[in-house]
Amino acid sequence: MRIVFHAKSENKQKAEDLLKQDDLVSRGSIAVRNGYSLGIQEDGYFIIVDASDQALEKAKDLLKDLAEIYKDSPKVLDKYDEQENAAIEGFGGVLGTD
């Protein structure tokens, strides 16, 4: 399961560090993207956590004072998935697996 948080620029590093230092949350996937890099005109950073339900609850608790759950999470996830798929396709082209 995935959840998208939005953090202000000044909170990005602390939020990322808290998630990566937590034993439960860090077992999942943590991706941090600038809003503009995803084509979303929003200041700050999106933190996408893909983990178990228990880890997501822990992430919510860890970030309660640093980030909020983003209101338009599906939009962020769609853009993120598009970029990841394009990168995978490009990598396959480099290796000649197309």
PDB file of N, CA and C in Angstrom:
ATOM      1  N   MET A   1       0.838  -1.168   0.000  1.00  0.00           N
ATOM      2  CA  MET A   1       0.000   0.000   0.000  1.00  0.00           C
ATOM      3  C   MET A   1       0.890   1.241   0.000  1.00  0.00           C
ATOM      4  N   ARG A   2       0.418   2.299  -0.655  1.00  0.00           N
ATOM      5  CA  ARG A   2       1.206   3.526  -0.743  1.00  0.00           C
ATOM      6  C   ARG A   2       0.447   4.716  -0.161  1.00  0.00           C
ATOM      7  N   ILE A   3       1.242   5.641   0.351  1.00  0.00           N
ATOM      8  CA  ILE A   3       0.684   6.882   0.874  1.00  0.00           C
ATOM      9  C   ILE A   3       1.609   8.014   0.431  1.00  0.00           C
ATOM     10  N   VAL A   4       1.030   9.180   0.162  1.00  0.00           N
ATOM     11  CA  VAL A   4       1.806  10.342  -0.277  1.00  0.00           C
ATOM     12  C   VAL A   4       1.702  11.434   0.774  1.00  0.00           C
ATOM     13  N   PHE A   5       2.860  11.884   1.230  1.00  0.00           N
ATOM     14  CA  PHE A   5       2.941  13.008   2.152  1.00  0.00           C
ATOM     15  C   PHE A   5       3.464  14.213   1.386  1.00  0.00           C
ATOM     16  N   HIS A   6       3.108  15.395   1.851  1.00  0.00           N
ATOM     17  CA  HIS A   6       3.672  16.629   1.288  1.00  0.00           C
ATOM     18  C   HIS A   6       4.358  17.367   2.428  1.00  0.00           C
ATOM     19  N   ALA A   7       5.641  17.678   2.207  1.00  0.00           N
ATOM     20  CA  ALA A   7       6.428  18.378   3.221  1.00  0.00           C
ATOM     21  C   ALA A   7       6.962  19.682   2.641  1.00  0.00           C
ATOM     22  N   LYS A   8       7.002  20.703   3.462  1.00  0.00           N
ATOM     23  CA  LYS A   8       7.626  21.949   3.050  1.00  0.00           C
ATOM     24  C   LYS A   8       9.116  21.700   2.888  1.00  0.00           C
ATOM     25  N   SER A   9       9.747  22.516   2.075  1.00  0.00           N
ATOM     26  CA  SER A   9      11.177  22.333   1.785  1.00  0.00           C
ATOM     27  C   SER A   9      12.023  22.277   3.049  1.00  0.00           C
ATOM     28  N   GLU A  10      11.703  23.126   4.017  1.00  0.00           N
ATOM     29  CA  GLU A  10      12.510  23.172   5.235  1.00  0.00           C
ATOM     30  C   GLU A  10      12.342  21.927   6.107  1.00  0.00           C
ATOM     31  N   ASN A  11      11.297  21.140   5.874  1.00  0.00           N
ATOM     32  CA  ASN A  11      11.055  19.923   6.661  1.00  0.00           C
ATOM     33  C   ASN A  11      11.459  18.644   5.934  1.00  0.00           C
ATOM     34  N   LYS A  12      11.841  18.774   4.672  1.00  0.00           N
ATOM     35  CA  LYS A  12      12.101  17.602   3.836  1.00  0.00           C
ATOM     36  C   LYS A  12      13.157  16.674   4.426  1.00  0.00           C
ATOM     37  N   GLN A  13      14.314  17.220   4.754  1.00  0.00           N
ATOM     38  CA  GLN A  13      15.417  16.373   5.208  1.00  0.00           C
ATOM     39  C   GLN A  13      15.099  15.678   6.530  1.00  0.00           C
ATOM     40  N   LYS A  14      14.509  16.407   7.451  1.00  0.00           N
ATOM     41  CA  LYS A  14      14.176  15.815   8.746  1.00  0.00           C
ATOM     42  C   LYS A  14      13.133  14.709   8.580  1.00  0.00           C
ATOM     43  N   ALA A  15      12.132  14.960   7.746  1.00  0.00           N
ATOM     44  CA  ALA A  15      11.093  13.951   7.500  1.00  0.00           C
ATOM     45  C   ALA A  15      11.694  12.700   6.868  1.00  0.00           C
ATOM     46  N   GLU A  16      12.534  12.908   5.859  1.00  0.00           N
ATOM     47  CA  GLU A  16      13.168  11.771   5.181  1.00  0.00           C
ATOM     48  C   GLU A  16      14.046  10.980   6.151  1.00  0.00           C
ATOM     49  N   ASP A  17      14.822  11.680   6.959  1.00  0.00           N
ATOM     50  CA  ASP A  17      15.693  11.009   7.930  1.00  0.00           C
ATOM     51  C   ASP A  17      14.897  10.192   8.940  1.00  0.00           C
ATOM     52  N   LEU A  18      13.796  10.757   9.444  1.00  0.00           N
ATOM     53  CA  LEU A  18      12.966  10.027  10.417  1.00  0.00           C
ATOM     54  C   LEU A  18      12.449   8.721   9.830  1.00  0.00           C
ATOM     55  N   LEU A  19      11.979   8.775   8.587  1.00  0.00           N
ATOM     56  CA  LEU A  19      11.437   7.575   7.945  1.00  0.00           C
ATOM     57  C   LEU A  19      12.528   6.530   7.708  1.00  0.00           C
ATOM     58  N   LYS A  20      13.682   6.984   7.225  1.00  0.00           N
ATOM     59  CA  LYS A  20      14.755   6.047   6.893  1.00  0.00           C
ATOM     60  C   LYS A  20      15.427   5.458   8.129  1.00  0.00           C
ATOM     61  N   GLN A  21      15.341   6.150   9.255  1.00  0.00           N
ATOM     62  CA  GLN A  21      15.947   5.650  10.488  1.00  0.00           C
ATOM     63  C   GLN A  21      15.030   4.710  11.256  1.00  0.00           C
ATOM     64  N   ASP A  22      13.755   4.702  10.923  1.00  0.00           N
ATOM     65  CA  ASP A  22      12.815   3.828  11.620  1.00  0.00           C
ATOM     66  C   ASP A  22      12.909   2.415  11.037  1.00  0.00           C
ATOM     67  N   ASP A  23      13.096   1.439  11.910  1.00  0.00           N
ATOM     68  CA  ASP A  23      13.285   0.053  11.474  1.00  0.00           C
ATOM     69  C   ASP A  23      12.101  -0.483  10.681  1.00  0.00           C
ATOM     70  N   LEU A  24      10.889  -0.193  11.104  1.00  0.00           N
ATOM     71  CA  LEU A  24       9.693  -0.716  10.442  1.00  0.00           C
ATOM     72  C   LEU A  24       9.448  -0.014   9.101  1.00  0.00           C
ATOM     73  N   VAL A  25       9.461   1.296   9.113  1.00  0.00           N
ATOM     74  CA  VAL A  25       9.147   2.064   7.903  1.00  0.00           C
ATOM     75  C   VAL A  25      10.219   1.870   6.839  1.00  0.00           C
ATOM     76  N   SER A  26      11.465   1.818   7.256  1.00  0.00           N
ATOM     77  CA  SER A  26      12.564   1.715   6.291  1.00  0.00           C
ATOM     78  C   SER A  26      12.596   0.377   5.553  1.00  0.00           C
ATOM     79  N   ARG A  27      11.834  -0.588   6.002  1.00  0.00           N
ATOM     80  CA  ARG A  27      11.749  -1.872   5.290  1.00  0.00           C
ATOM     81  C   ARG A  27      10.973  -1.722   3.986  1.00  0.00           C
ATOM     82  N   GLY A  28      10.159  -0.681   3.909  1.00  0.00           N
ATOM     83  CA  GLY A  28       9.394  -0.413   2.688  1.00  0.00           C
ATOM     84  C   GLY A  28      10.194   0.469   1.745  1.00  0.00           C
ATOM     85  N   SER A  29       9.517   1.007   0.779  1.00  0.00           N
ATOM     86  CA  SER A  29      10.138   1.895  -0.194  1.00  0.00           C
ATOM     87  C   SER A  29       9.789   3.338   0.162  1.00  0.00           C
ATOM     88  N   ILE A  30      10.801   4.207   0.139  1.00  0.00           N
ATOM     89  CA  ILE A  30      10.602   5.622   0.427  1.00  0.00           C
ATOM     90  C   ILE A  30      11.177   6.413  -0.745  1.00  0.00           C
ATOM     91  N   ALA A  31      10.330   7.164  -1.431  1.00  0.00           N
ATOM     92  CA  ALA A  31      10.772   7.988  -2.556  1.00  0.00           C
ATOM     93  C   ALA A  31      10.439   9.439  -2.247  1.00  0.00           C
ATOM     94  N   VAL A  32      11.371  10.326  -2.550  1.00  0.00           N
ATOM     95  CA  VAL A  32      11.173  11.756  -2.313  1.00  0.00           C
ATOM     96  C   VAL A  32      11.324  12.470  -3.648  1.00  0.00           C
ATOM     97  N   ARG A  33      10.330  13.261  -4.010  1.00  0.00           N
ATOM     98  CA  ARG A  33      10.352  13.990  -5.274  1.00  0.00           C
ATOM     99  C   ARG A  33       9.889  15.426  -5.059  1.00  0.00           C
ATOM    100  N   ASN A  34      10.567  16.337  -5.733  1.00  0.00           N
ATOM    101  CA  ASN A  34      10.144  17.728  -5.768  1.00  0.00           C
ATOM    102  C   ASN A  34       8.868  17.799  -6.604  1.00  0.00           C
ATOM    103  N   GLY A  35       7.917  18.616  -6.183  1.00  0.00           N
ATOM    104  CA  GLY A  35       6.658  18.723  -6.919  1.00  0.00           C
ATOM    105  C   GLY A  35       6.852  19.091  -8.375  1.00  0.00           C
ATOM    106  N   TYR A  36       7.751  20.037  -8.636  1.00  0.00           N
ATOM    107  CA  TYR A  36       7.984  20.490 -10.000  1.00  0.00           C
ATOM    108  C   TYR A  36       8.567  19.394 -10.877  1.00  0.00           C
ATOM    109  N   SER A  37       9.354  18.492 -10.290  1.00  0.00           N
ATOM    110  CA  SER A  37       9.940  17.400 -11.072  1.00  0.00           C
ATOM    111  C   SER A  37       8.872  16.418 -11.544  1.00  0.00           C
ATOM    112  N   LEU A  38       7.721  16.441 -10.887  1.00  0.00           N
ATOM    113  CA  LEU A  38       6.603  15.590 -11.293  1.00  0.00           C
ATOM    114  C   LEU A  38       5.602  16.342 -12.169  1.00  0.00           C
ATOM    115  N   GLY A  39       5.927  17.601 -12.474  1.00  0.00           N
ATOM    116  CA  GLY A  39       5.010  18.413 -13.273  1.00  0.00           C
ATOM    117  C   GLY A  39       3.844  18.937 -12.467  1.00  0.00           C
ATOM    118  N   ILE A  40       3.986  18.990 -11.157  1.00  0.00           N
ATOM    119  CA  ILE A  40       2.930  19.478 -10.274  1.00  0.00           C
ATOM    120  C   ILE A  40       3.405  20.801  -9.682  1.00  0.00           C
ATOM    121  N   GLN A  41       2.664  21.841  -9.933  1.00  0.00           N
ATOM    122  CA  GLN A  41       3.055  23.184  -9.498  1.00  0.00           C
ATOM    123  C   GLN A  41       2.727  23.379  -8.021  1.00  0.00           C
ATOM    124  N   GLU A  42       3.549  22.766  -7.204  1.00  0.00           N
ATOM    125  CA  GLU A  42       3.351  22.811  -5.752  1.00  0.00           C
ATOM    126  C   GLU A  42       4.724  22.888  -5.095  1.00  0.00           C
ATOM    127  N   ASP A  43       4.926  23.916  -4.278  1.00  0.00           N
ATOM    128  CA  ASP A  43       6.196  24.032  -3.562  1.00  0.00           C
ATOM    129  C   ASP A  43       6.335  22.884  -2.574  1.00  0.00           C
ATOM    130  N   GLY A  44       7.556  22.505  -2.324  1.00  0.00           N
ATOM    131  CA  GLY A  44       7.817  21.459  -1.351  1.00  0.00           C
ATOM    132  C   GLY A  44       8.106  20.128  -2.011  1.00  0.00           C
ATOM    133  N   TYR A  45       8.028  19.098  -1.191  1.00  0.00           N
ATOM    134  CA  TYR A  45       8.410  17.755  -1.624  1.00  0.00           C
ATOM    135  C   TYR A  45       7.311  16.743  -1.320  1.00  0.00           C
ATOM    136  N   PHE A  46       7.189  15.782  -2.221  1.00  0.00           N
ATOM    137  CA  PHE A  46       6.293  14.655  -2.003  1.00  0.00           C
ATOM    138  C   PHE A  46       7.128  13.487  -1.501  1.00  0.00           C
ATOM    139  N   ILE A  47       6.649  12.864  -0.457  1.00  0.00           N
ATOM    140  CA  ILE A  47       7.301  11.688   0.099  1.00  0.00           C
ATOM    141  C   ILE A  47       6.336  10.530  -0.082  1.00  0.00           C
ATOM    142  N   ILE A  48       6.731   9.582  -0.904  1.00  0.00           N
ATOM    143  CA  ILE A  48       5.886   8.437  -1.228  1.00  0.00           C
ATOM    144  C   ILE A  48       6.418   7.227  -0.466  1.00  0.00           C
ATOM    145  N   VAL A  49       5.567   6.685   0.383  1.00  0.00           N
ATOM    146  CA  VAL A  49       5.961   5.528   1.184  1.00  0.00           C
ATOM    147  C   VAL A  49       5.120   4.338   0.732  1.00  0.00           C
ATOM    148  N   ASP A  50       5.799   3.279   0.343  1.00  0.00           N
ATOM    149  CA  ASP A  50       5.154   2.039  -0.081  1.00  0.00           C
ATOM    150  C   ASP A  50       5.573   0.968   0.917  1.00  0.00           C
ATOM    151  N   ALA A  51       4.628   0.588   1.771  1.00  0.00           N
ATOM    152  CA  ALA A  51       4.971  -0.324   2.866  1.00  0.00           C
ATOM    153  C   ALA A  51       3.708  -1.003   3.383  1.00  0.00           C
ATOM    154  N   SER A  52       3.887  -1.812   4.404  1.00  0.00           N
ATOM    155  CA  SER A  52       2.752  -2.492   5.044  1.00  0.00           C
ATOM    156  C   SER A  52       1.853  -1.464   5.733  1.00  0.00           C
ATOM    157  N   ASP A  53       0.637  -1.863   6.029  1.00  0.00           N
ATOM    158  CA  ASP A  53      -0.292  -0.975   6.724  1.00  0.00           C
ATOM    159  C   ASP A  53       0.274  -0.518   8.066  1.00  0.00           C
ATOM    160  N   GLN A  54       0.911  -1.422   8.759  1.00  0.00           N
ATOM    161  CA  GLN A  54       1.498  -1.094  10.060  1.00  0.00           C
ATOM    162  C   GLN A  54       2.602  -0.040   9.899  1.00  0.00           C
ATOM    163  N   ALA A  55       3.433  -0.195   8.882  1.00  0.00           N
ATOM    164  CA  ALA A  55       4.510   0.762   8.631  1.00  0.00           C
ATOM    165  C   ALA A  55       3.950   2.115   8.210  1.00  0.00           C
ATOM    166  N   LEU A  56       2.862   2.107   7.443  1.00  0.00           N
ATOM    167  CA  LEU A  56       2.252   3.374   7.029  1.00  0.00           C
ATOM    168  C   LEU A  56       1.679   4.125   8.227  1.00  0.00           C
ATOM    169  N   GLU A  57       1.095   3.413   9.153  1.00  0.00           N
ATOM    170  CA  GLU A  57       0.590   4.054  10.378  1.00  0.00           C
ATOM    171  C   GLU A  57       1.736   4.676  11.165  1.00  0.00           C
ATOM    172  N   LYS A  58       2.859   3.961  11.217  1.00  0.00           N
ATOM    173  CA  LYS A  58       4.040   4.481  11.908  1.00  0.00           C
ATOM    174  C   LYS A  58       4.565   5.723  11.197  1.00  0.00           C
ATOM    175  N   ALA A  59       4.575   5.702   9.867  1.00  0.00           N
ATOM    176  CA  ALA A  59       5.028   6.851   9.082  1.00  0.00           C
ATOM    177  C   ALA A  59       4.148   8.071   9.346  1.00  0.00           C
ATOM    178  N   LYS A  60       2.846   7.855   9.412  1.00  0.00           N
ATOM    179  CA  LYS A  60       1.923   8.957   9.722  1.00  0.00           C
ATOM    180  C   LYS A  60       2.264   9.570  11.071  1.00  0.00           C
ATOM    181  N   ASP A  61       2.539   8.724  12.041  1.00  0.00           N
ATOM    182  CA  ASP A  61       2.878   9.202  13.379  1.00  0.00           C
ATOM    183  C   ASP A  61       4.204   9.969  13.370  1.00  0.00           C
ATOM    184  N   LEU A  62       5.195   9.430  12.673  1.00  0.00           N
ATOM    185  CA  LEU A  62       6.511  10.078  12.621  1.00  0.00           C
ATOM    186  C   LEU A  62       6.455  11.458  11.957  1.00  0.00           C
ATOM    187  N   LEU A  63       5.595  11.591  10.959  1.00  0.00           N
ATOM    188  CA  LEU A  63       5.562  12.830  10.183  1.00  0.00           C
ATOM    189  C   LEU A  63       4.452  13.797  10.584  1.00  0.00           C
ATOM    190  N   LYS A  64       3.772  13.494  11.667  1.00  0.00           N
ATOM    191  CA  LYS A  64       2.594  14.292  12.035  1.00  0.00           C
ATOM    192  C   LYS A  64       2.880  15.787  12.178  1.00  0.00           C
ATOM    193  N   ASP A  65       4.096  16.160  12.568  1.00  0.00           N
ATOM    194  CA  ASP A  65       4.444  17.570  12.732  1.00  0.00           C
ATOM    195  C   ASP A  65       5.287  18.112  11.575  1.00  0.00           C
ATOM    196  N   LEU A  66       5.607  17.272  10.604  1.00  0.00           N
ATOM    197  CA  LEU A  66       6.508  17.676   9.529  1.00  0.00           C
ATOM    198  C   LEU A  66       5.881  17.663   8.135  1.00  0.00           C
ATOM    199  N   ALA A  67       4.867  16.848   7.955  1.00  0.00           N
ATOM    200  CA  ALA A  67       4.258  16.694   6.630  1.00  0.00           C
ATOM    201  C   ALA A  67       2.800  16.297   6.800  1.00  0.00           C
ATOM    202  N   GLU A  68       2.051  16.504   5.745  1.00  0.00           N
ATOM    203  CA  GLU A  68       0.640  16.104   5.781  1.00  0.00           C
ATOM    204  C   GLU A  68       0.360  15.153   4.626  1.00  0.00           C
ATOM    205  N   ILE A  69      -0.657  14.354   4.782  1.00  0.00           N
ATOM    206  CA  ILE A  69      -1.071  13.472   3.692  1.00  0.00           C
ATOM    207  C   ILE A  69      -1.593  14.368   2.574  1.00  0.00           C
ATOM    208  N   TYR A  70      -1.088  14.153   1.366  1.00  0.00           N
ATOM    209  CA  TYR A  70      -1.424  15.040   0.252  1.00  0.00           C
ATOM    210  C   TYR A  70      -2.850  14.808  -0.214  1.00  0.00           C
ATOM    211  N   LYS A  71      -3.528  15.897  -0.477  1.00  0.00           N
ATOM    212  CA  LYS A  71      -4.953  15.853  -0.830  1.00  0.00           C
ATOM    213  C   LYS A  71      -5.241  15.191  -2.177  1.00  0.00           C
ATOM    214  N   ASP A  72      -4.289  15.254  -3.105  1.00  0.00           N
ATOM    215  CA  ASP A  72      -4.492  14.675  -4.433  1.00  0.00           C
ATOM    216  C   ASP A  72      -3.447  13.581  -4.698  1.00  0.00           C
ATOM    217  N   SER A  73      -3.392  12.628  -3.777  1.00  0.00           N
ATOM    218  CA  SER A  73      -2.401  11.545  -3.863  1.00  0.00           C
ATOM    219  C   SER A  73      -2.438  10.779  -5.186  1.00  0.00           C
ATOM    220  N   PRO A  74      -3.628  10.452  -5.737  1.00  0.00           N
ATOM    221  CA  PRO A  74      -3.637   9.700  -7.001  1.00  0.00           C
ATOM    222  C   PRO A  74      -2.898  10.426  -8.132  1.00  0.00           C
ATOM    223  N   LYS A  75      -2.989  11.740  -8.181  1.00  0.00           N
ATOM    224  CA  LYS A  75      -2.294  12.514  -9.209  1.00  0.00           C
ATOM    225  C   LYS A  75      -0.779  12.358  -9.061  1.00  0.00           C
ATOM    226  N   VAL A  76      -0.290  12.463  -7.841  1.00  0.00           N
ATOM    227  CA  VAL A  76       1.142  12.320  -7.581  1.00  0.00           C
ATOM    228  C   VAL A  76       1.595  10.901  -7.940  1.00  0.00           C
ATOM    229  N   LEU A  77       0.839   9.910  -7.513  1.00  0.00           N
ATOM    230  CA  LEU A  77       1.211   8.518  -7.792  1.00  0.00           C
ATOM    231  C   LEU A  77       1.213   8.222  -9.289  1.00  0.00           C
ATOM    232  N   ASP A  78       0.259   8.777 -10.031  1.00  0.00           N
ATOM    233  CA  ASP A  78       0.230   8.589 -11.489  1.00  0.00           C
ATOM    234  C   ASP A  78       1.481   9.169 -12.136  1.00  0.00           C
ATOM    235  N   LYS A  79       1.834  10.389 -11.760  1.00  0.00           N
ATOM    236  CA  LYS A  79       3.024  11.045 -12.320  1.00  0.00           C
ATOM    237  C   LYS A  79       4.295  10.273 -11.942  1.00  0.00           C
ATOM    238  N   TYR A  80       4.370   9.865 -10.695  1.00  0.00           N
ATOM    239  CA  TYR A  80       5.526   9.107 -10.219  1.00  0.00           C
ATOM    240  C   TYR A  80       5.650   7.786 -10.985  1.00  0.00           C
ATOM    241  N   ASP A  81       4.541   7.069 -11.127  1.00  0.00           N
ATOM    242  CA  ASP A  81       4.550   5.787 -11.842  1.00  0.00           C
ATOM    243  C   ASP A  81       4.949   5.970 -13.311  1.00  0.00           C
ATOM    244  N   GLU A  82       4.472   7.056 -13.938  1.00  0.00           N
ATOM    245  CA  GLU A  82       4.844   7.342 -15.324  1.00  0.00           C
ATOM    246  C   GLU A  82       6.359   7.499 -15.446  1.00  0.00           C
ATOM    247  N   GLN A  83       6.950   8.267 -14.535  1.00  0.00           N
ATOM    248  CA  GLN A  83       8.396   8.484 -14.567  1.00  0.00           C
ATOM    249  C   GLN A  83       9.162   7.182 -14.329  1.00  0.00           C
ATOM    250  N   GLU A  84       8.712   6.400 -13.369  1.00  0.00           N
ATOM    251  CA  GLU A  84       9.395   5.144 -13.066  1.00  0.00           C
ATOM    252  C   GLU A  84       9.312   4.184 -14.252  1.00  0.00           C
ATOM    253  N   ASN A  85       8.150   4.097 -14.890  1.00  0.00           N
ATOM    254  CA  ASN A  85       7.985   3.201 -16.039  1.00  0.00           C
ATOM    255  C   ASN A  85       8.831   3.662 -17.217  1.00  0.00           C
ATOM    256  N   ALA A  86       8.911   4.974 -17.434  1.00  0.00           N
ATOM    257  CA  ALA A  86       9.742   5.502 -18.517  1.00  0.00           C
ATOM    258  C   ALA A  86      11.209   5.182 -18.257  1.00  0.00           C
ATOM    259  N   ALA A  87      11.629   5.289 -17.012  1.00  0.00           N
ATOM    260  CA  ALA A  87      13.017   4.978 -16.663  1.00  0.00           C
ATOM    261  C   ALA A  87      13.317   3.497 -16.890  1.00  0.00           C
ATOM    262  N   ILE A  88      12.379   2.639 -16.539  1.00  0.00           N
ATOM    263  CA  ILE A  88      12.565   1.196 -16.737  1.00  0.00           C
ATOM    264  C   ILE A  88      12.646   0.875 -18.225  1.00  0.00           C
ATOM    265  N   GLU A  89      11.768   1.495 -19.020  1.00  0.00           N
ATOM    266  CA  GLU A  89      11.794   1.262 -20.463  1.00  0.00           C
ATOM    267  C   GLU A  89      13.106   1.749 -21.063  1.00  0.00           C
ATOM    268  N   GLY A  90      13.574   2.911 -20.615  1.00  0.00           N
ATOM    269  CA  GLY A  90      14.838   3.439 -21.099  1.00  0.00           C
ATOM    270  C   GLY A  90      16.000   2.537 -20.744  1.00  0.00           C
ATOM    271  N   PHE A  91      15.984   2.008 -19.547  1.00  0.00           N
ATOM    272  CA  PHE A  91      17.037   1.101 -19.099  1.00  0.00           C
ATOM    273  C   PHE A  91      17.020  -0.170 -19.926  1.00  0.00           C
ATOM    274  N   GLY A  92      15.829  -0.655 -20.247  1.00  0.00           N
ATOM    275  CA  GLY A  92      15.717  -1.848 -21.083  1.00  0.00           C
ATOM    276  C   GLY A  92      16.287  -1.605 -22.471  1.00  0.00           C
ATOM    277  N   GLY A  93      16.107  -0.381 -22.989  1.00  0.00           N
ATOM    278  CA  GLY A  93      16.653  -0.025 -24.296  1.00  0.00           C
ATOM    279  C   GLY A  93      18.169  -0.009 -24.273  1.00  0.00           C
ATOM    280  N   VAL A  94      18.735   0.462 -23.169  1.00  0.00           N
ATOM    281  CA  VAL A  94      20.204   0.507 -23.032  1.00  0.00           C
ATOM    282  C   VAL A  94      20.770  -0.911 -23.030  1.00  0.00           C
ATOM    283  N   LEU A  95      20.067  -1.818 -22.375  1.00  0.00           N
ATOM    284  CA  LEU A  95      20.533  -3.202 -22.289  1.00  0.00           C
ATOM    285  C   LEU A  95      20.180  -4.038 -23.521  1.00  0.00           C
ATOM    286  N   GLY A  96      19.350  -3.457 -24.404  1.00  0.00           N
ATOM    287  CA  GLY A  96      18.969  -4.168 -25.617  1.00  0.00           C
ATOM    288  C   GLY A  96      17.953  -5.254 -25.372  1.00  0.00           C
ATOM    289  N   THR A  97      17.080  -5.036 -24.349  1.00  0.00           N
ATOM    290  CA  THR A  97      16.078  -6.064 -24.032  1.00  0.00           C
ATOM    291  C   THR A  97      14.725  -5.726 -24.631  1.00  0.00           C
ATOM    292  N   ASP A  98      14.666  -4.722 -25.500  1.00  0.00           N
ATOM    293  CA  ASP A  98      13.369  -4.365 -26.115  1.00  0.00           C
ATOM    294  C   ASP A  98      12.978  -5.364 -27.159  1.00  0.00           C
TER     295      ASP A  98
END
